[in-house]
Amino acid sequence: MSDTTNGGTEINGAAGNGTPKIALRGVHKRFGQKVVLDGIDLTVNKGESMVVIGGSGTGKSVMLKCILGLLHPDSGQIQVDGENTTHLHGRDREKLLHKFGMLFQGAALFDSLPVWENVGFGLIQGEHMPRAKAKEIAIAKLGAVGLGPEVAELFPAELSGGMQKRVGLARAIADEPDIIFFDEPTTGLDPIMADVINELIVQCVKDLGATAVTITHDMASARKIADHVSMIHKGRIIWTGHANDIDHSGNPYVDQFVNGRAEGPIKMQVRAL
């Protein structure tokens, strides 16, 4: 887990499962004068499900993009399987990306492609797999998220929001990645469909034996899918602990966030009318 402050449970990779799957050490990122990541320290061990909670604009998505190499941190180090990946480029970066699957916040499906081709996109474009084989795998992965083969020939516009999320999840697991990122996986879904997606995430991660990192502000989702939870606030990890400890963290920031209270140490900027 992460190096922690303010009452969290510290769990480090060396004491747990050997080399961490992902480790961030002192990662900083700013855009102009705006500091987004202010020395992030986070450790995710192999095979665990880490959920990072925090409000909008606290740096969750930027952190994921830095791990993926879509953004380069200004300083600090990011390791994947013990390898410093902070400055990888070209084929080395491409090789690293094969370890990752990603479920995007809005599913991010290609409107012009049928469902099966959306799911198999990485297999066809990245792995240069024959289309027939990619389609076979895509249909199997759709089945893993509860969608029948008849859905494969539909287009994203013909699907409900919940079905689009399932297709996005099928795409995320199509290449059976070592690491899966989930970016606000339940945003825009009703509570029942959100729980369905959470259950599918848990099952798919378990079936693959993958390491999962989820960013969310949905506490029902966090409780459902997390082994451990970290909270990010103003670009720093301020608490990490077991998911079962989230409701008695002893951290006033965490307590305010998980209970959704307006009053507390987290101050929301509201412009007076």
Protein backbone atom coordinates (compact mmCIF):
# COMPACT_ATOMS: atom_id res chain seq x y z
CA MET A 1 0.00 0.00 0.00
CA SER A 2 1.01 3.55 0.43
CA ASP A 3 3.28 5.27 2.87
CA THR A 4 0.66 6.90 5.04
CA THR A 5 -0.06 9.82 7.31
CA ASN A 6 -2.73 10.85 9.74
CA GLY A 7 -3.66 7.48 11.16
CA GLY A 8 -3.54 5.19 8.15
CA THR A 9 -2.25 1.63 8.17
CA GLU A 10 1.16 1.51 6.56
CA ILE A 11 1.76 -1.52 4.40
CA ASN A 12 4.86 -1.60 2.23
CA GLY A 13 5.69 -3.91 -0.61
CA ALA A 14 8.85 -5.33 0.88
CA ALA A 15 7.05 -6.51 3.98
CA GLY A 16 4.06 -7.83 2.06
CA ASN A 17 4.29 -9.32 -1.41
CA GLY A 18 7.88 -8.55 -2.42
CA THR A 19 8.44 -6.01 -5.19
CA PRO A 20 5.42 -3.69 -5.46
CA LYS A 21 3.46 -3.84 -8.69
CA ILE A 22 3.29 -0.04 -8.75
CA ALA A 23 5.26 2.42 -6.63
CA LEU A 24 5.18 6.21 -6.75
CA ARG A 25 7.80 8.08 -4.79
CA GLY A 26 7.71 11.85 -4.38
CA VAL A 27 5.87 12.45 -7.65
CA HIS A 28 5.25 16.12 -8.46
CA LYS A 29 3.31 17.61 -11.35
CA ARG A 30 2.24 21.17 -11.97
CA PHE A 31 0.59 23.01 -14.83
CA GLY A 32 1.91 26.55 -14.83
CA GLN A 33 1.50 27.87 -11.31
CA LYS A 34 -1.05 25.21 -10.37
CA VAL A 35 0.40 22.36 -8.33
CA VAL A 36 -1.61 19.18 -9.01
CA LEU A 37 0.61 16.46 -7.53
CA ASP A 38 2.63 17.60 -4.56
CA GLY A 39 4.84 14.64 -3.67
CA ILE A 40 2.63 11.59 -4.17
CA ASP A 41 3.79 8.43 -2.41
CA LEU A 42 1.78 5.32 -3.22
CA THR A 43 2.49 1.59 -3.23
CA VAL A 44 0.22 -1.01 -4.80
CA ASN A 45 1.12 -4.65 -4.30
CA LYS A 46 0.61 -7.41 -6.82
CA GLY A 47 -2.91 -8.79 -6.99
CA GLU A 48 -4.53 -6.19 -4.78
CA SER A 49 -7.31 -3.73 -5.49
CA MET A 50 -6.39 -0.19 -4.49
CA VAL A 51 -9.04 2.51 -4.57
CA VAL A 52 -7.95 6.14 -4.49
CA ILE A 53 -10.68 8.47 -3.26
CA GLY A 54 -10.81 12.24 -3.24
CA GLY A 55 -12.78 15.18 -4.51
CA SER A 56 -12.77 16.63 -8.00
CA GLY A 57 -9.54 18.39 -8.90
CA THR A 58 -7.41 16.68 -6.25
CA GLY A 59 -5.08 14.99 -8.75
CA LYS A 60 -6.54 11.50 -9.13
CA SER A 61 -6.72 11.45 -12.94
CA VAL A 62 -3.36 13.21 -13.35
CA MET A 63 -1.79 10.53 -11.17
CA LEU A 64 -3.13 7.77 -13.42
CA LYS A 65 -1.95 9.59 -16.54
CA CYS A 66 1.53 9.89 -15.05
CA ILE A 67 1.65 6.15 -14.34
CA LEU A 68 0.58 5.43 -17.92
CA GLY A 69 3.12 7.90 -19.30
CA LEU A 70 0.47 10.10 -20.90
CA LEU A 71 1.89 12.86 -18.69
CA HIS A 72 5.46 13.14 -17.43
CA PRO A 73 5.96 14.10 -13.78
CA ASP A 74 8.14 17.11 -13.05
CA SER A 75 10.06 15.13 -10.42
CA GLY A 76 9.88 11.90 -8.46
CA GLN A 77 9.88 8.31 -9.61
CA ILE A 78 7.29 5.82 -10.85
CA GLN A 79 8.11 2.13 -10.81
CA VAL A 80 6.18 -0.76 -12.34
CA ASP A 81 7.37 -4.24 -11.34
CA GLY A 82 10.47 -2.61 -9.87
CA GLU A 83 11.42 -0.83 -13.11
CA ASN A 84 11.70 2.95 -13.19
CA THR A 85 9.26 3.89 -15.95
CA THR A 86 9.33 7.66 -15.46
CA HIS A 87 11.32 8.45 -18.59
CA LEU A 88 10.51 5.54 -20.90
CA HIS A 89 9.93 6.39 -24.55
CA GLY A 90 9.22 4.69 -27.84
CA ARG A 91 9.13 0.91 -27.87
CA ASP A 92 9.97 0.67 -24.18
CA ARG A 93 6.89 2.76 -23.33
CA GLU A 94 4.78 0.72 -25.77
CA LYS A 95 5.94 -2.51 -24.13
CA LEU A 96 4.99 -1.14 -20.72
CA LEU A 97 1.52 -0.15 -21.90
CA HIS A 98 0.78 -3.78 -22.80
CA LYS A 99 0.65 -4.47 -19.06
CA PHE A 100 -2.29 -2.11 -18.61
CA GLY A 101 -6.01 -2.23 -19.25
CA MET A 102 -8.22 0.82 -18.73
CA LEU A 103 -11.90 1.42 -18.15
CA PHE A 104 -12.45 5.09 -18.94
CA GLN A 105 -14.94 7.28 -17.11
CA GLY A 106 -17.28 7.68 -20.07
CA ALA A 107 -16.54 4.23 -21.57
CA ALA A 108 -14.83 6.13 -24.46
CA LEU A 109 -16.14 3.82 -27.16
CA PHE A 110 -15.63 4.49 -30.85
CA ASP A 111 -19.05 5.42 -32.24
CA SER A 112 -18.21 4.28 -35.76
CA LEU A 113 -17.15 0.77 -34.76
CA PRO A 114 -19.40 -2.15 -33.77
CA VAL A 115 -19.16 -3.38 -30.21
CA TRP A 116 -16.94 -6.36 -30.93
CA GLU A 117 -14.42 -4.17 -32.74
CA ASN A 118 -14.39 -1.74 -29.84
CA VAL A 119 -13.58 -4.61 -27.49
CA GLY A 120 -10.97 -6.06 -29.83
CA PHE A 121 -9.47 -2.72 -30.88
CA GLY A 122 -6.25 -3.16 -28.92
CA LEU A 123 -5.86 -6.73 -30.13
CA ILE A 124 -6.19 -5.70 -33.76
CA GLN A 125 -4.24 -2.45 -33.66
CA GLY A 126 -1.74 -3.17 -30.92
CA GLU A 127 -1.20 -6.92 -31.20
CA HIS A 128 -1.87 -7.13 -34.97
CA MET A 129 -4.18 -10.06 -34.31
CA PRO A 130 -6.27 -11.37 -37.22
CA ARG A 131 -9.75 -9.86 -37.08
CA ALA A 132 -11.51 -13.22 -36.86
CA LYS A 133 -9.48 -14.22 -33.81
CA ALA A 134 -9.96 -10.80 -32.22
CA LYS A 135 -13.71 -11.08 -32.73
CA GLU A 136 -13.75 -14.50 -31.09
CA ILE A 137 -11.95 -13.12 -28.04
CA ALA A 138 -14.17 -10.02 -27.98
CA ILE A 139 -17.33 -12.13 -27.86
CA ALA A 140 -15.85 -14.23 -25.05
CA LYS A 141 -15.01 -11.09 -23.05
CA LEU A 142 -18.48 -9.70 -23.65
CA GLY A 143 -19.79 -12.92 -22.17
CA ALA A 144 -17.57 -12.39 -19.12
CA VAL A 145 -19.36 -9.10 -18.44
CA GLY A 146 -22.82 -10.53 -18.99
CA LEU A 147 -23.45 -9.52 -22.60
CA GLY A 148 -24.56 -12.02 -25.24
CA PRO A 149 -23.01 -12.46 -28.70
CA GLU A 150 -25.90 -10.56 -30.28
CA VAL A 151 -24.54 -7.38 -28.71
CA ALA A 152 -21.28 -7.74 -30.65
CA GLU A 153 -22.76 -6.40 -33.89
CA LEU A 154 -24.50 -3.40 -32.31
CA PHE A 155 -23.04 0.09 -32.27
CA PRO A 156 -22.41 2.09 -29.07
CA ALA A 157 -25.32 4.44 -29.77
CA GLU A 158 -27.67 1.46 -29.55
CA LEU A 159 -26.57 0.64 -26.00
CA SER A 160 -27.69 1.95 -22.62
CA GLY A 161 -25.18 3.64 -20.34
CA GLY A 162 -24.80 0.49 -18.28
CA MET A 163 -24.20 -1.65 -21.36
CA GLN A 164 -21.60 0.82 -22.60
CA LYS A 165 -19.78 0.52 -19.28
CA ARG A 166 -19.82 -3.27 -19.63
CA VAL A 167 -18.39 -3.02 -23.14
CA GLY A 168 -15.70 -0.70 -21.79
CA LEU A 169 -14.89 -3.27 -19.11
CA ALA A 170 -14.75 -6.06 -21.71
CA ARG A 171 -12.27 -3.97 -23.70
CA ALA A 172 -10.20 -3.34 -20.56
CA ILE A 173 -9.78 -7.09 -19.96
CA ALA A 174 -9.55 -8.20 -23.61
CA ASP A 175 -5.76 -8.50 -23.56
CA GLU A 176 -5.78 -10.02 -20.05
CA PRO A 177 -3.59 -7.26 -18.60
CA ASP A 178 -1.54 -7.45 -15.41
CA ILE A 179 -2.86 -4.09 -14.22
CA ILE A 180 -6.30 -2.56 -14.74
CA PHE A 181 -7.18 1.07 -14.11
CA PHE A 182 -10.77 2.10 -13.46
CA ASP A 183 -11.54 5.81 -13.84
CA GLU A 184 -14.79 6.66 -12.01
CA PRO A 185 -16.37 3.37 -13.16
CA THR A 186 -19.87 4.09 -11.81
CA THR A 187 -20.29 7.74 -12.83
CA GLY A 188 -23.66 8.38 -14.46
CA LEU A 189 -25.19 5.04 -13.48
CA ASP A 190 -28.19 4.40 -11.27
CA PRO A 191 -27.42 2.67 -7.95
CA ILE A 192 -28.47 -0.79 -9.13
CA MET A 193 -26.44 -0.68 -12.36
CA ALA A 194 -23.51 0.82 -10.42
CA ASP A 195 -23.56 -2.21 -8.12
CA VAL A 196 -23.69 -4.54 -11.13
CA ILE A 197 -20.58 -2.85 -12.54
CA ASN A 198 -18.84 -3.07 -9.17
CA GLU A 199 -19.60 -6.81 -8.97
CA LEU A 200 -18.28 -7.32 -12.50
CA ILE A 201 -15.09 -5.42 -11.67
CA VAL A 202 -14.48 -7.59 -8.61
CA GLN A 203 -15.09 -10.79 -10.56
CA CYS A 204 -13.03 -9.82 -13.60
CA VAL A 205 -10.06 -8.73 -11.50
CA LYS A 206 -10.27 -11.95 -9.50
CA ASP A 207 -10.50 -14.13 -12.61
CA LEU A 208 -7.45 -12.46 -14.17
CA GLY A 209 -5.45 -12.29 -10.97
CA ALA A 210 -4.81 -8.68 -11.93
CA THR A 211 -3.75 -5.70 -9.88
CA ALA A 212 -6.40 -2.98 -9.89
CA VAL A 213 -6.26 0.76 -9.27
CA THR A 214 -9.56 2.62 -9.17
CA ILE A 215 -10.12 6.34 -8.76
CA THR A 216 -13.55 7.35 -7.56
CA HIS A 217 -15.57 9.60 -5.30
CA ASP A 218 -18.32 6.95 -5.06
CA MET A 219 -17.97 5.46 -1.59
CA ALA A 220 -20.35 2.58 -2.31
CA SER A 221 -18.06 1.58 -5.16
CA ALA A 222 -14.93 2.02 -3.04
CA ARG A 223 -16.30 -0.21 -0.27
CA LYS A 224 -17.31 -2.85 -2.78
CA ILE A 225 -14.14 -3.24 -4.80
CA ALA A 226 -11.27 -2.13 -2.54
CA ASP A 227 -8.80 -4.19 -0.58
CA HIS A 228 -7.16 -0.95 0.49
CA VAL A 229 -8.11 2.69 0.16
CA SER A 230 -5.95 5.79 -0.15
CA MET A 231 -7.24 9.35 0.02
CA ILE A 232 -5.69 12.13 -2.03
CA HIS A 233 -6.11 15.75 -0.98
CA LYS A 234 -4.36 18.75 -2.49
CA GLY A 235 -2.05 16.51 -4.47
CA ARG A 236 -0.86 14.34 -1.57
CA ILE A 237 -1.86 10.98 -0.15
CA ILE A 238 -3.09 11.84 3.33
CA TRP A 239 -4.35 8.42 4.46
CA THR A 240 -4.07 4.78 3.46
CA GLY A 241 -5.66 1.82 5.15
CA HIS A 242 -7.66 -1.36 4.79
CA ALA A 243 -11.07 -0.90 3.24
CA ASN A 244 -12.66 -2.15 6.47
CA ASP A 245 -11.06 0.75 8.36
CA ILE A 246 -12.45 3.53 6.20
CA ASP A 247 -15.35 4.34 8.53
CA HIS A 248 -13.12 4.67 11.59
CA SER A 249 -9.96 6.07 10.05
CA GLY A 250 -9.27 8.63 12.76
CA ASN A 251 -8.54 11.11 9.97
CA PRO A 252 -10.89 14.14 9.90
CA TYR A 253 -10.46 14.63 6.14
CA VAL A 254 -11.38 11.02 5.40
CA ASP A 255 -14.26 11.13 7.86
CA GLN A 256 -15.72 14.24 6.24
CA PHE A 257 -15.35 12.82 2.73
CA VAL A 258 -16.80 9.36 3.32
CA ASN A 259 -19.78 10.83 5.18
CA GLY A 260 -20.38 13.58 2.64
CA ARG A 261 -20.45 16.41 5.15
CA ALA A 262 -20.17 20.06 4.11
CA GLU A 263 -18.60 20.98 7.45
CA GLY A 264 -15.04 19.88 8.15
CA PRO A 265 -11.41 20.52 7.23
CA ILE A 266 -12.10 20.21 3.48
CA LYS A 267 -13.33 23.62 2.38
CA MET A 268 -15.23 23.92 -0.87
CA GLN A 269 -14.88 27.21 -2.69
CA VAL A 270 -18.39 28.51 -3.36
CA ARG A 271 -18.92 31.85 -5.06
CA ALA A 272 -21.54 33.96 -3.35
CA LEU A 273 -24.50 35.04 -5.50
